[in-house]
Amino acid sequence: MKRQKVLATMAFSRDRKKMSVLCNDYADDKNILYIKGAPDYMLGDKKCQYLDSDGKVKPLDAHVKKALKDKQKELARKGLRTLLMAYKKDNICGLSDYSGSKHPAHKVLED
């Protein structure tokens, strides 16, 4: 059973350092933006929050950022690549009623 419909996909690029997929959630008819990207880029977002081990949303403070960066460095020393994943549901910079590439807020996806 399909739970979401893909509305737009922005491919990963060296300039953006991320890939974005905008979907519509059939359960509540709200749009959700999924992003995966380079940790250095993603951790720079001041609005970021994270899910703790109990599934609670918490602010991404300096302590947590440092722990994530340390883990990334540890994995890199082993030759492993890392990606961070994020999402934002509804109230997405004018994309709540996104209808395609002609939508006025389409540029938000590119940025």
PDB file of N, CA and C in Angstrom:
ATOM      1  N   MET A   1       0.839  -1.179   0.000  1.00  0.00           N
ATOM      2  CA  MET A   1       0.000   0.000   0.000  1.00  0.00           C
ATOM      3  C   MET A   1       0.885   1.243   0.000  1.00  0.00           C
ATOM      4  N   LYS A   2       0.616   2.135  -0.926  1.00  0.00           N
ATOM      5  CA  LYS A   2       1.382   3.381  -1.022  1.00  0.00           C
ATOM      6  C   LYS A   2       0.920   4.365   0.039  1.00  0.00           C
ATOM      7  N   ARG A   3       1.881   4.911   0.774  1.00  0.00           N
ATOM      8  CA  ARG A   3       1.540   5.881   1.825  1.00  0.00           C
ATOM      9  C   ARG A   3       1.803   7.316   1.406  1.00  0.00           C
ATOM     10  N   GLN A   4       2.681   7.488   0.396  1.00  0.00           N
ATOM     11  CA  GLN A   4       3.029   8.837  -0.038  1.00  0.00           C
ATOM     12  C   GLN A   4       3.189   8.887  -1.543  1.00  0.00           C
ATOM     13  N   LYS A   5       2.909  10.055  -2.075  1.00  0.00           N
ATOM     14  CA  LYS A   5       3.078  10.299  -3.501  1.00  0.00           C
ATOM     15  C   LYS A   5       4.256  11.254  -3.679  1.00  0.00           C
ATOM     16  N   VAL A   6       5.192  10.911  -4.551  1.00  0.00           N
ATOM     17  CA  VAL A   6       6.337  11.786  -4.820  1.00  0.00           C
ATOM     18  C   VAL A   6       5.873  12.937  -5.718  1.00  0.00           C
ATOM     19  N   LEU A   7       6.121  14.166  -5.261  1.00  0.00           N
ATOM     20  CA  LEU A   7       5.730  15.357  -6.018  1.00  0.00           C
ATOM     21  C   LEU A   7       6.900  15.945  -6.800  1.00  0.00           C
ATOM     22  N   ALA A   8       8.093  15.864  -6.241  1.00  0.00           N
ATOM     23  CA  ALA A   8       9.277  16.433  -6.900  1.00  0.00           C
ATOM     24  C   ALA A   8      10.532  15.802  -6.316  1.00  0.00           C
ATOM     25  N   THR A   9      11.538  15.687  -7.160  1.00  0.00           N
ATOM     26  CA  THR A   9      12.834  15.176  -6.729  1.00  0.00           C
ATOM     27  C   THR A   9      13.912  16.110  -7.249  1.00  0.00           C
ATOM     28  N   MET A  10      14.767  16.549  -6.356  1.00  0.00           N
ATOM     29  CA  MET A  10      15.914  17.364  -6.742  1.00  0.00           C
ATOM     30  C   MET A  10      17.161  16.517  -6.513  1.00  0.00           C
ATOM     31  N   ALA A  11      17.868  16.218  -7.587  1.00  0.00           N
ATOM     32  CA  ALA A  11      19.028  15.333  -7.515  1.00  0.00           C
ATOM     33  C   ALA A  11      20.170  15.942  -6.702  1.00  0.00           C
ATOM     34  N   PHE A  12      21.007  15.065  -6.188  1.00  0.00           N
ATOM     35  CA  PHE A  12      22.200  15.496  -5.460  1.00  0.00           C
ATOM     36  C   PHE A  12      23.125  16.221  -6.422  1.00  0.00           C
ATOM     37  N   SER A  13      23.749  17.290  -5.956  1.00  0.00           N
ATOM     38  CA  SER A  13      24.756  17.978  -6.757  1.00  0.00           C
ATOM     39  C   SER A  13      25.877  18.430  -5.832  1.00  0.00           C
ATOM     40  N   ARG A  14      27.041  18.643  -6.405  1.00  0.00           N
ATOM     41  CA  ARG A  14      28.173  19.106  -5.591  1.00  0.00           C
ATOM     42  C   ARG A  14      27.913  20.482  -5.007  1.00  0.00           C
ATOM     43  N   ASP A  15      27.159  21.308  -5.712  1.00  0.00           N
ATOM     44  CA  ASP A  15      26.862  22.653  -5.215  1.00  0.00           C
ATOM     45  C   ASP A  15      25.888  22.616  -4.037  1.00  0.00           C
ATOM     46  N   ARG A  16      24.818  21.830  -4.167  1.00  0.00           N
ATOM     47  CA  ARG A  16      23.793  21.755  -3.119  1.00  0.00           C
ATOM     48  C   ARG A  16      24.209  20.856  -1.966  1.00  0.00           C
ATOM     49  N   LYS A  17      25.035  19.861  -2.235  1.00  0.00           N
ATOM     50  CA  LYS A  17      25.489  18.877  -1.245  1.00  0.00           C
ATOM     51  C   LYS A  17      24.331  18.166  -0.563  1.00  0.00           C
ATOM     52  N   LYS A  18      23.224  18.021  -1.285  1.00  0.00           N
ATOM     53  CA  LYS A  18      22.073  17.310  -0.742  1.00  0.00           C
ATOM     54  C   LYS A  18      21.154  16.860  -1.862  1.00  0.00           C
ATOM     55  N   MET A  19      20.270  15.932  -1.550  1.00  0.00           N
ATOM     56  CA  MET A  19      19.201  15.492  -2.441  1.00  0.00           C
ATOM     57  C   MET A  19      17.898  15.702  -1.690  1.00  0.00           C
ATOM     58  N   SER A  20      16.875  16.176  -2.382  1.00  0.00           N
ATOM     59  CA  SER A  20      15.593  16.448  -1.734  1.00  0.00           C
ATOM     60  C   SER A  20      14.470  15.746  -2.494  1.00  0.00           C
ATOM     61  N   VAL A  21      13.521  15.230  -1.739  1.00  0.00           N
ATOM     62  CA  VAL A  21      12.329  14.619  -2.335  1.00  0.00           C
ATOM     63  C   VAL A  21      11.124  15.175  -1.596  1.00  0.00           C
ATOM     64  N   LEU A  22      10.212  15.786  -2.338  1.00  0.00           N
ATOM     65  CA  LEU A  22       8.983  16.321  -1.756  1.00  0.00           C
ATOM     66  C   LEU A  22       7.866  15.326  -2.020  1.00  0.00           C
ATOM     67  N   CYS A  23       7.176  14.912  -0.956  1.00  0.00           N
ATOM     68  CA  CYS A  23       6.095  13.927  -1.073  1.00  0.00           C
ATOM     69  C   CYS A  23       4.827  14.472  -0.439  1.00  0.00           C
ATOM     70  N   ASN A  24       3.707  13.858  -0.824  1.00  0.00           N
ATOM     71  CA  ASN A  24       2.440  14.144  -0.172  1.00  0.00           C
ATOM     72  C   ASN A  24       2.048  12.893   0.604  1.00  0.00           C
ATOM     73  N   ASP A  25       1.776  13.081   1.889  1.00  0.00           N
ATOM     74  CA  ASP A  25       1.394  11.980   2.763  1.00  0.00           C
ATOM     75  C   ASP A  25      -0.113  11.755   2.622  1.00  0.00           C
ATOM     76  N   TYR A  26      -0.495  10.588   2.130  1.00  0.00           N
ATOM     77  CA  TYR A  26      -1.915  10.294   1.930  1.00  0.00           C
ATOM     78  C   TYR A  26      -2.708  10.304   3.238  1.00  0.00           C
ATOM     79  N   ALA A  27      -2.065   9.957   4.349  1.00  0.00           N
ATOM     80  CA  ALA A  27      -2.773   9.855   5.631  1.00  0.00           C
ATOM     81  C   ALA A  27      -3.362  11.182   6.088  1.00  0.00           C
ATOM     82  N   ASP A  28      -2.605  12.274   5.921  1.00  0.00           N
ATOM     83  CA  ASP A  28      -3.106  13.570   6.391  1.00  0.00           C
ATOM     84  C   ASP A  28      -3.091  14.646   5.303  1.00  0.00           C
ATOM     85  N   ASP A  29      -2.774  14.265   4.085  1.00  0.00           N
ATOM     86  CA  ASP A  29      -2.746  15.175   2.924  1.00  0.00           C
ATOM     87  C   ASP A  29      -1.814  16.368   3.133  1.00  0.00           C
ATOM     88  N   LYS A  30      -0.721  16.149   3.874  1.00  0.00           N
ATOM     89  CA  LYS A  30       0.278  17.197   4.073  1.00  0.00           C
ATOM     90  C   LYS A  30       1.547  16.813   3.339  1.00  0.00           C
ATOM     91  N   ASN A  31       2.250  17.830   2.884  1.00  0.00           N
ATOM     92  CA  ASN A  31       3.506  17.586   2.195  1.00  0.00           C
ATOM     93  C   ASN A  31       4.639  17.394   3.198  1.00  0.00           C
ATOM     94  N   ILE A  32       5.598  16.577   2.793  1.00  0.00           N
ATOM     95  CA  ILE A  32       6.754  16.295   3.627  1.00  0.00           C
ATOM     96  C   ILE A  32       7.990  16.322   2.728  1.00  0.00           C
ATOM     97  N   LEU A  33       9.021  16.995   3.198  1.00  0.00           N
ATOM     98  CA  LEU A  33      10.261  17.126   2.436  1.00  0.00           C
ATOM     99  C   LEU A  33      11.333  16.269   3.106  1.00  0.00           C
ATOM    100  N   TYR A  34      11.869  15.307   2.338  1.00  0.00           N
ATOM    101  CA  TYR A  34      12.962  14.467   2.822  1.00  0.00           C
ATOM    102  C   TYR A  34      14.254  14.982   2.221  1.00  0.00           C
ATOM    103  N   ILE A  35      15.306  15.026   3.026  1.00  0.00           N
ATOM    104  CA  ILE A  35      16.602  15.514   2.543  1.00  0.00           C
ATOM    105  C   ILE A  35      17.685  14.581   3.045  1.00  0.00           C
ATOM    106  N   LYS A  36      18.613  14.249   2.158  1.00  0.00           N
ATOM    107  CA  LYS A  36      19.822  13.549   2.594  1.00  0.00           C
ATOM    108  C   LYS A  36      20.990  14.320   2.027  1.00  0.00           C
ATOM    109  N   GLY A  37      22.050  14.420   2.820  1.00  0.00           N
ATOM    110  CA  GLY A  37      23.158  15.215   2.344  1.00  0.00           C
ATOM    111  C   GLY A  37      24.410  15.085   3.182  1.00  0.00           C
ATOM    112  N   ALA A  38      25.403  15.849   2.769  1.00  0.00           N
ATOM    113  CA  ALA A  38      26.697  15.858   3.432  1.00  0.00           C
ATOM    114  C   ALA A  38      26.533  16.380   4.861  1.00  0.00           C
ATOM    115  N   PRO A  39      27.090  15.668   5.836  1.00  0.00           N
ATOM    116  CA  PRO A  39      26.938  16.090   7.236  1.00  0.00           C
ATOM    117  C   PRO A  39      27.408  17.515   7.508  1.00  0.00           C
ATOM    118  N   ASP A  40      28.524  17.932   6.908  1.00  0.00           N
ATOM    119  CA  ASP A  40      29.008  19.288   7.167  1.00  0.00           C
ATOM    120  C   ASP A  40      27.997  20.332   6.719  1.00  0.00           C
ATOM    121  N   TYR A  41      27.306  20.061   5.629  1.00  0.00           N
ATOM    122  CA  TYR A  41      26.284  20.975   5.125  1.00  0.00           C
ATOM    123  C   TYR A  41      25.034  20.910   6.013  1.00  0.00           C
ATOM    124  N   MET A  42      24.575  19.712   6.293  1.00  0.00           N
ATOM    125  CA  MET A  42      23.329  19.535   7.037  1.00  0.00           C
ATOM    126  C   MET A  42      23.449  20.038   8.482  1.00  0.00           C
ATOM    127  N   LEU A  43      24.586  19.842   9.097  1.00  0.00           N
ATOM    128  CA  LEU A  43      24.756  20.272  10.491  1.00  0.00           C
ATOM    129  C   LEU A  43      24.875  21.788  10.615  1.00  0.00           C
ATOM    130  N   GLY A  44      25.061  22.478   9.512  1.00  0.00           N
ATOM    131  CA  GLY A  44      25.161  23.926   9.533  1.00  0.00           C
ATOM    132  C   GLY A  44      23.814  24.622   9.650  1.00  0.00           C
ATOM    133  N   ASP A  45      22.721  23.875   9.467  1.00  0.00           N
ATOM    134  CA  ASP A  45      21.381  24.459   9.538  1.00  0.00           C
ATOM    135  C   ASP A  45      21.022  24.738  10.995  1.00  0.00           C
ATOM    136  N   LYS A  46      20.807  25.987  11.317  1.00  0.00           N
ATOM    137  CA  LYS A  46      20.530  26.384  12.696  1.00  0.00           C
ATOM    138  C   LYS A  46      19.154  25.931  13.185  1.00  0.00           C
ATOM    139  N   LYS A  47      18.266  25.562  12.257  1.00  0.00           N
ATOM    140  CA  LYS A  47      16.917  25.157  12.644  1.00  0.00           C
ATOM    141  C   LYS A  47      16.804  23.651  12.881  1.00  0.00           C
ATOM    142  N   CYS A  48      17.877  22.920  12.670  1.00  0.00           N
ATOM    143  CA  CYS A  48      17.835  21.465  12.777  1.00  0.00           C
ATOM    144  C   CYS A  48      17.506  20.998  14.188  1.00  0.00           C
ATOM    145  N   GLN A  49      16.734  19.938  14.240  1.00  0.00           N
ATOM    146  CA  GLN A  49      16.446  19.231  15.468  1.00  0.00           C
ATOM    147  C   GLN A  49      16.745  17.764  15.196  1.00  0.00           C
ATOM    148  N   TYR A  50      16.714  16.946  16.224  1.00  0.00           N
ATOM    149  CA  TYR A  50      16.961  15.529  16.006  1.00  0.00           C
ATOM    150  C   TYR A  50      16.033  14.696  16.878  1.00  0.00           C
ATOM    151  N   LEU A  51      15.910  13.416  16.506  1.00  0.00           N
ATOM    152  CA  LEU A  51      15.134  12.477  17.302  1.00  0.00           C
ATOM    153  C   LEU A  51      16.089  11.745  18.219  1.00  0.00           C
ATOM    154  N   ASP A  52      15.826  11.798  19.516  1.00  0.00           N
ATOM    155  CA  ASP A  52      16.694  11.072  20.448  1.00  0.00           C
ATOM    156  C   ASP A  52      16.308   9.587  20.439  1.00  0.00           C
ATOM    157  N   SER A  53      16.973   8.810  21.256  1.00  0.00           N
ATOM    158  CA  SER A  53      16.738   7.362  21.276  1.00  0.00           C
ATOM    159  C   SER A  53      15.329   6.995  21.744  1.00  0.00           C
ATOM    160  N   ASP A  54      14.637   7.929  22.388  1.00  0.00           N
ATOM    161  CA  ASP A  54      13.255   7.706  22.811  1.00  0.00           C
ATOM    162  C   ASP A  54      12.244   8.213  21.783  1.00  0.00           C
ATOM    163  N   GLY A  55      12.743   8.725  20.644  1.00  0.00           N
ATOM    164  CA  GLY A  55      11.863   9.235  19.598  1.00  0.00           C
ATOM    165  C   GLY A  55      11.342  10.631  19.866  1.00  0.00           C
ATOM    166  N   LYS A  56      11.966  11.350  20.794  1.00  0.00           N
ATOM    167  CA  LYS A  56      11.551  12.725  21.103  1.00  0.00           C
ATOM    168  C   LYS A  56      12.379  13.714  20.292  1.00  0.00           C
ATOM    169  N   VAL A  57      11.727  14.762  19.792  1.00  0.00           N
ATOM    170  CA  VAL A  57      12.410  15.799  19.021  1.00  0.00           C
ATOM    171  C   VAL A  57      13.109  16.744  19.989  1.00  0.00           C
ATOM    172  N   LYS A  58      14.401  16.970  19.730  1.00  0.00           N
ATOM    173  CA  LYS A  58      15.196  17.850  20.586  1.00  0.00           C
ATOM    174  C   LYS A  58      16.026  18.789  19.722  1.00  0.00           C
ATOM    175  N   PRO A  59      16.417  19.940  20.279  1.00  0.00           N
ATOM    176  CA  PRO A  59      17.254  20.864  19.515  1.00  0.00           C
ATOM    177  C   PRO A  59      18.633  20.259  19.261  1.00  0.00           C
ATOM    178  N   LEU A  60      19.173  20.556  18.117  1.00  0.00           N
ATOM    179  CA  LEU A  60      20.505  20.072  17.748  1.00  0.00           C
ATOM    180  C   LEU A  60      21.522  21.064  18.299  1.00  0.00           C
ATOM    181  N   ASP A  61      21.892  20.879  19.573  1.00  0.00           N
ATOM    182  CA  ASP A  61      22.794  21.820  20.234  1.00  0.00           C
ATOM    183  C   ASP A  61      24.258  21.504  19.909  1.00  0.00           C
ATOM    184  N   ALA A  62      25.151  22.330  20.403  1.00  0.00           N
ATOM    185  CA  ALA A  62      26.585  22.197  20.108  1.00  0.00           C
ATOM    186  C   ALA A  62      27.133  20.844  20.552  1.00  0.00           C
ATOM    187  N   HIS A  63      26.665  20.333  21.688  1.00  0.00           N
ATOM    188  CA  HIS A  63      27.129  19.042  22.207  1.00  0.00           C
ATOM    189  C   HIS A  63      26.775  17.905  21.236  1.00  0.00           C
ATOM    190  N   VAL A  64      25.542  17.901  20.756  1.00  0.00           N
ATOM    191  CA  VAL A  64      25.095  16.854  19.828  1.00  0.00           C
ATOM    192  C   VAL A  64      25.821  16.990  18.487  1.00  0.00           C
ATOM    193  N   LYS A  65      25.966  18.231  18.002  1.00  0.00           N
ATOM    194  CA  LYS A  65      26.690  18.445  16.739  1.00  0.00           C
ATOM    195  C   LYS A  65      28.118  17.920  16.835  1.00  0.00           C
ATOM    196  N   LYS A  66      28.783  18.188  17.956  1.00  0.00           N
ATOM    197  CA  LYS A  66      30.153  17.718  18.134  1.00  0.00           C
ATOM    198  C   LYS A  66      30.199  16.191  18.130  1.00  0.00           C
ATOM    199  N   ALA A  67      29.252  15.561  18.812  1.00  0.00           N
ATOM    200  CA  ALA A  67      29.206  14.092  18.850  1.00  0.00           C
ATOM    201  C   ALA A  67      29.002  13.523  17.445  1.00  0.00           C
ATOM    202  N   LEU A  68      28.130  14.147  16.666  1.00  0.00           N
ATOM    203  CA  LEU A  68      27.902  13.687  15.294  1.00  0.00           C
ATOM    204  C   LEU A  68      29.142  13.882  14.422  1.00  0.00           C
ATOM    205  N   LYS A  69      29.791  15.030  14.563  1.00  0.00           N
ATOM    206  CA  LYS A  69      31.004  15.292  13.787  1.00  0.00           C
ATOM    207  C   LYS A  69      32.122  14.328  14.176  1.00  0.00           C
ATOM    208  N   ASP A  70      32.255  14.045  15.459  1.00  0.00           N
ATOM    209  CA  ASP A  70      33.266  13.086  15.915  1.00  0.00           C
ATOM    210  C   ASP A  70      33.003  11.701  15.335  1.00  0.00           C
ATOM    211  N   LYS A  71      31.737  11.284  15.331  1.00  0.00           N
ATOM    212  CA  LYS A  71      31.377   9.977  14.777  1.00  0.00           C
ATOM    213  C   LYS A  71      31.659   9.937  13.278  1.00  0.00           C
ATOM    214  N   GLN A  72      31.351  11.047  12.587  1.00  0.00           N
ATOM    215  CA  GLN A  72      31.618  11.122  11.153  1.00  0.00           C
ATOM    216  C   GLN A  72      33.116  10.969  10.881  1.00  0.00           C
ATOM    217  N   LYS A  73      33.956  11.649  11.663  1.00  0.00           N
ATOM    218  CA  LYS A  73      35.404  11.554  11.483  1.00  0.00           C
ATOM    219  C   LYS A  73      35.895  10.132  11.737  1.00  0.00           C
ATOM    220  N   GLU A  74      35.345   9.499  12.762  1.00  0.00           N
ATOM    221  CA  GLU A  74      35.716   8.116  13.086  1.00  0.00           C
ATOM    222  C   GLU A  74      35.396   7.185  11.913  1.00  0.00           C
ATOM    223  N   LEU A  75      34.212   7.344  11.339  1.00  0.00           N
ATOM    224  CA  LEU A  75      33.816   6.510  10.208  1.00  0.00           C
ATOM    225  C   LEU A  75      34.654   6.815   8.973  1.00  0.00           C
ATOM    226  N   ALA A  76      34.980   8.086   8.771  1.00  0.00           N
ATOM    227  CA  ALA A  76      35.807   8.481   7.616  1.00  0.00           C
ATOM    228  C   ALA A  76      37.199   7.857   7.711  1.00  0.00           C
ATOM    229  N   ARG A  77      37.756   7.781   8.916  1.00  0.00           N
ATOM    230  CA  ARG A  77      39.070   7.146   9.091  1.00  0.00           C
ATOM    231  C   ARG A  77      39.041   5.678   8.685  1.00  0.00           C
ATOM    232  N   LYS A  78      37.865   5.080   8.743  1.00  0.00           N
ATOM    233  CA  LYS A  78      37.707   3.677   8.339  1.00  0.00           C
ATOM    234  C   LYS A  78      37.354   3.561   6.850  1.00  0.00           C
ATOM    235  N   GLY A  79      37.346   4.700   6.173  1.00  0.00           N
ATOM    236  CA  GLY A  79      37.042   4.708   4.737  1.00  0.00           C
ATOM    237  C   GLY A  79      35.564   4.676   4.413  1.00  0.00           C
ATOM    238  N   LEU A  80      34.724   4.997   5.386  1.00  0.00           N
ATOM    239  CA  LEU A  80      33.282   4.971   5.175  1.00  0.00           C
ATOM    240  C   LEU A  80      32.737   6.373   4.923  1.00  0.00           C
ATOM    241  N   ARG A  81      31.768   6.459   4.032  1.00  0.00           N
ATOM    242  CA  ARG A  81      31.085   7.727   3.770  1.00  0.00           C
ATOM    243  C   ARG A  81      29.890   7.847   4.700  1.00  0.00           C
ATOM    244  N   THR A  82      29.526   9.072   4.996  1.00  0.00           N
ATOM    245  CA  THR A  82      28.364   9.299   5.858  1.00  0.00           C
ATOM    246  C   THR A  82      27.404  10.283   5.200  1.00  0.00           C
ATOM    247  N   LEU A  83      26.151  10.094   5.471  1.00  0.00           N
ATOM    248  CA  LEU A  83      25.099  11.006   5.040  1.00  0.00           C
ATOM    249  C   LEU A  83      24.194  11.263   6.231  1.00  0.00           C
ATOM    250  N   LEU A  84      23.648  12.452   6.305  1.00  0.00           N
ATOM    251  CA  LEU A  84      22.617  12.753   7.294  1.00  0.00           C
ATOM    252  C   LEU A  84      21.286  12.808   6.562  1.00  0.00           C
ATOM    253  N   MET A  85      20.262  12.394   7.258  1.00  0.00           N
ATOM    254  CA  MET A  85      18.920  12.436   6.685  1.00  0.00           C
ATOM    255  C   MET A  85      18.062  13.341   7.555  1.00  0.00           C
ATOM    256  N   ALA A  86      17.182  14.094   6.904  1.00  0.00           N
ATOM    257  CA  ALA A  86      16.302  15.012   7.624  1.00  0.00           C
ATOM    258  C   ALA A  86      14.953  15.051   6.922  1.00  0.00           C
ATOM    259  N   TYR A  87      13.961  15.562   7.624  1.00  0.00           N
ATOM    260  CA  TYR A  87      12.666  15.770   7.003  1.00  0.00           C
ATOM    261  C   TYR A  87      11.980  16.957   7.648  1.00  0.00           C
ATOM    262  N   LYS A  88      11.049  17.514   6.903  1.00  0.00           N
ATOM    263  CA  LYS A  88      10.217  18.594   7.436  1.00  0.00           C
ATOM    264  C   LYS A  88       8.821  18.354   6.901  1.00  0.00           C
ATOM    265  N   LYS A  89       7.845  18.387   7.789  1.00  0.00           N
ATOM    266  CA  LYS A  89       6.472  18.120   7.390  1.00  0.00           C
ATOM    267  C   LYS A  89       5.648  19.391   7.415  1.00  0.00           C
ATOM    268  N   ASP A  90       4.909  19.595   6.318  1.00  0.00           N
ATOM    269  CA  ASP A  90       4.029  20.752   6.163  1.00  0.00           C
ATOM    270  C   ASP A  90       4.799  22.057   6.403  1.00  0.00           C
ATOM    271  N   ASN A  91       4.169  23.179   6.268  1.00  0.00           N
ATOM    272  CA  ASN A  91       4.796  24.484   6.492  1.00  0.00           C
ATOM    273  C   ASN A  91       6.232  24.534   5.954  1.00  0.00           C
ATOM    274  N   ILE A  92       6.399  24.090   4.725  1.00  0.00           N
ATOM    275  CA  ILE A  92       7.729  23.949   4.128  1.00  0.00           C
ATOM    276  C   ILE A  92       7.986  25.098   3.152  1.00  0.00           C
ATOM    277  N   CYS A  93       8.320  26.238   3.647  1.00  0.00           N
ATOM    278  CA  CYS A  93       8.747  27.372   2.811  1.00  0.00           C
ATOM    279  C   CYS A  93       7.889  27.556   1.560  1.00  0.00           C
ATOM    280  N   GLY A  94       6.589  27.565   1.705  1.00  0.00           N
ATOM    281  CA  GLY A  94       5.698  27.800   0.575  1.00  0.00           C
ATOM    282  C   GLY A  94       5.404  26.571  -0.271  1.00  0.00           C
ATOM    283  N   LEU A  95       5.808  25.389   0.173  1.00  0.00           N
ATOM    284  CA  LEU A  95       5.605  24.164  -0.604  1.00  0.00           C
ATOM    285  C   LEU A  95       4.426  23.333  -0.109  1.00  0.00           C
ATOM    286  N   SER A  96       3.637  23.862   0.811  1.00  0.00           N
ATOM    287  CA  SER A  96       2.517  23.102   1.373  1.00  0.00           C
ATOM    288  C   SER A  96       1.480  22.725   0.328  1.00  0.00           C
ATOM    289  N   ASP A  97       1.333  23.562  -0.707  1.00  0.00           N
ATOM    290  CA  ASP A  97       0.361  23.267  -1.774  1.00  0.00           C
ATOM    291  C   ASP A  97       1.071  23.059  -3.114  1.00  0.00           C
ATOM    292  N   TYR A  98       2.287  22.566  -3.074  1.00  0.00           N
ATOM    293  CA  TYR A  98       3.108  22.374  -4.272  1.00  0.00           C
ATOM    294  C   TYR A  98       2.360  21.540  -5.309  1.00  0.00           C
ATOM    295  N   SER A  99       2.421  21.994  -6.556  1.00  0.00           N
ATOM    296  CA  SER A  99       1.690  21.312  -7.625  1.00  0.00           C
ATOM    297  C   SER A  99       2.547  21.013  -8.850  1.00  0.00           C
ATOM    298  N   GLY A 100       3.830  21.249  -8.776  1.00  0.00           N
ATOM    299  CA  GLY A 100       4.696  20.942  -9.912  1.00  0.00           C
ATOM    300  C   GLY A 100       5.703  22.045 -10.174  1.00  0.00           C
ATOM    301  N   SER A 101       6.513  21.851 -11.216  1.00  0.00           N
ATOM    302  CA  SER A 101       7.626  22.759 -11.499  1.00  0.00           C
ATOM    303  C   SER A 101       7.191  24.183 -11.836  1.00  0.00           C
ATOM    304  N   LYS A 102       5.940  24.393 -12.148  1.00  0.00           N
ATOM    305  CA  LYS A 102       5.440  25.745 -12.441  1.00  0.00           C
ATOM    306  C   LYS A 102       4.984  26.465 -11.161  1.00  0.00           C
ATOM    307  N   HIS A 103       4.974  25.758 -10.049  1.00  0.00           N
ATOM    308  CA  HIS A 103       4.551  26.344  -8.770  1.00  0.00           C
ATOM    309  C   HIS A 103       5.499  27.487  -8.396  1.00  0.00           C
ATOM    310  N   PRO A 104       4.978  28.601  -7.854  1.00  0.00           N
ATOM    311  CA  PRO A 104       5.822  29.751  -7.512  1.00  0.00           C
ATOM    312  C   PRO A 104       6.979  29.425  -6.559  1.00  0.00           C
ATOM    313  N   ALA A 105       6.817  28.431  -5.711  1.00  0.00           N
ATOM    314  CA  ALA A 105       7.859  28.108  -4.735  1.00  0.00           C
ATOM    315  C   ALA A 105       8.808  27.009  -5.214  1.00  0.00           C
ATOM    316  N   HIS A 106       8.734  26.637  -6.480  1.00  0.00           N
ATOM    317  CA  HIS A 106       9.600  25.560  -6.989  1.00  0.00           C
ATOM    318  C   HIS A 106      11.077  25.880  -6.774  1.00  0.00           C
ATOM    319  N   LYS A 107      11.442  27.125  -6.848  1.00  0.00           N
ATOM    320  CA  LYS A 107      12.831  27.533  -6.653  1.00  0.00           C
ATOM    321  C   LYS A 107      13.357  27.127  -5.275  1.00  0.00           C
ATOM    322  N   VAL A 108      12.467  27.047  -4.278  1.00  0.00           N
ATOM    323  CA  VAL A 108      12.859  26.633  -2.938  1.00  0.00           C
ATOM    324  C   VAL A 108      13.505  25.238  -2.986  1.00  0.00           C
ATOM    325  N   LEU A 109      12.950  24.352  -3.797  1.00  0.00           N
ATOM    326  CA  LEU A 109      13.514  23.011  -3.920  1.00  0.00           C
ATOM    327  C   LEU A 109      14.924  23.051  -4.495  1.00  0.00           C
ATOM    328  N   GLU A 110      15.138  23.944  -5.439  1.00  0.00           N
ATOM    329  CA  GLU A 110      16.471  24.051  -6.063  1.00  0.00           C
ATOM    330  C   GLU A 110      17.500  24.647  -5.109  1.00  0.00           C
ATOM    331  N   ASP A 111      17.028  25.521  -4.212  1.00  0.00           N
ATOM    332  CA  ASP A 111      17.929  26.171  -3.262  1.00  0.00           C
ATOM    333  C   ASP A 111      18.155  25.283  -2.061  1.00  0.00           C
TER     334      ASP A 111
END
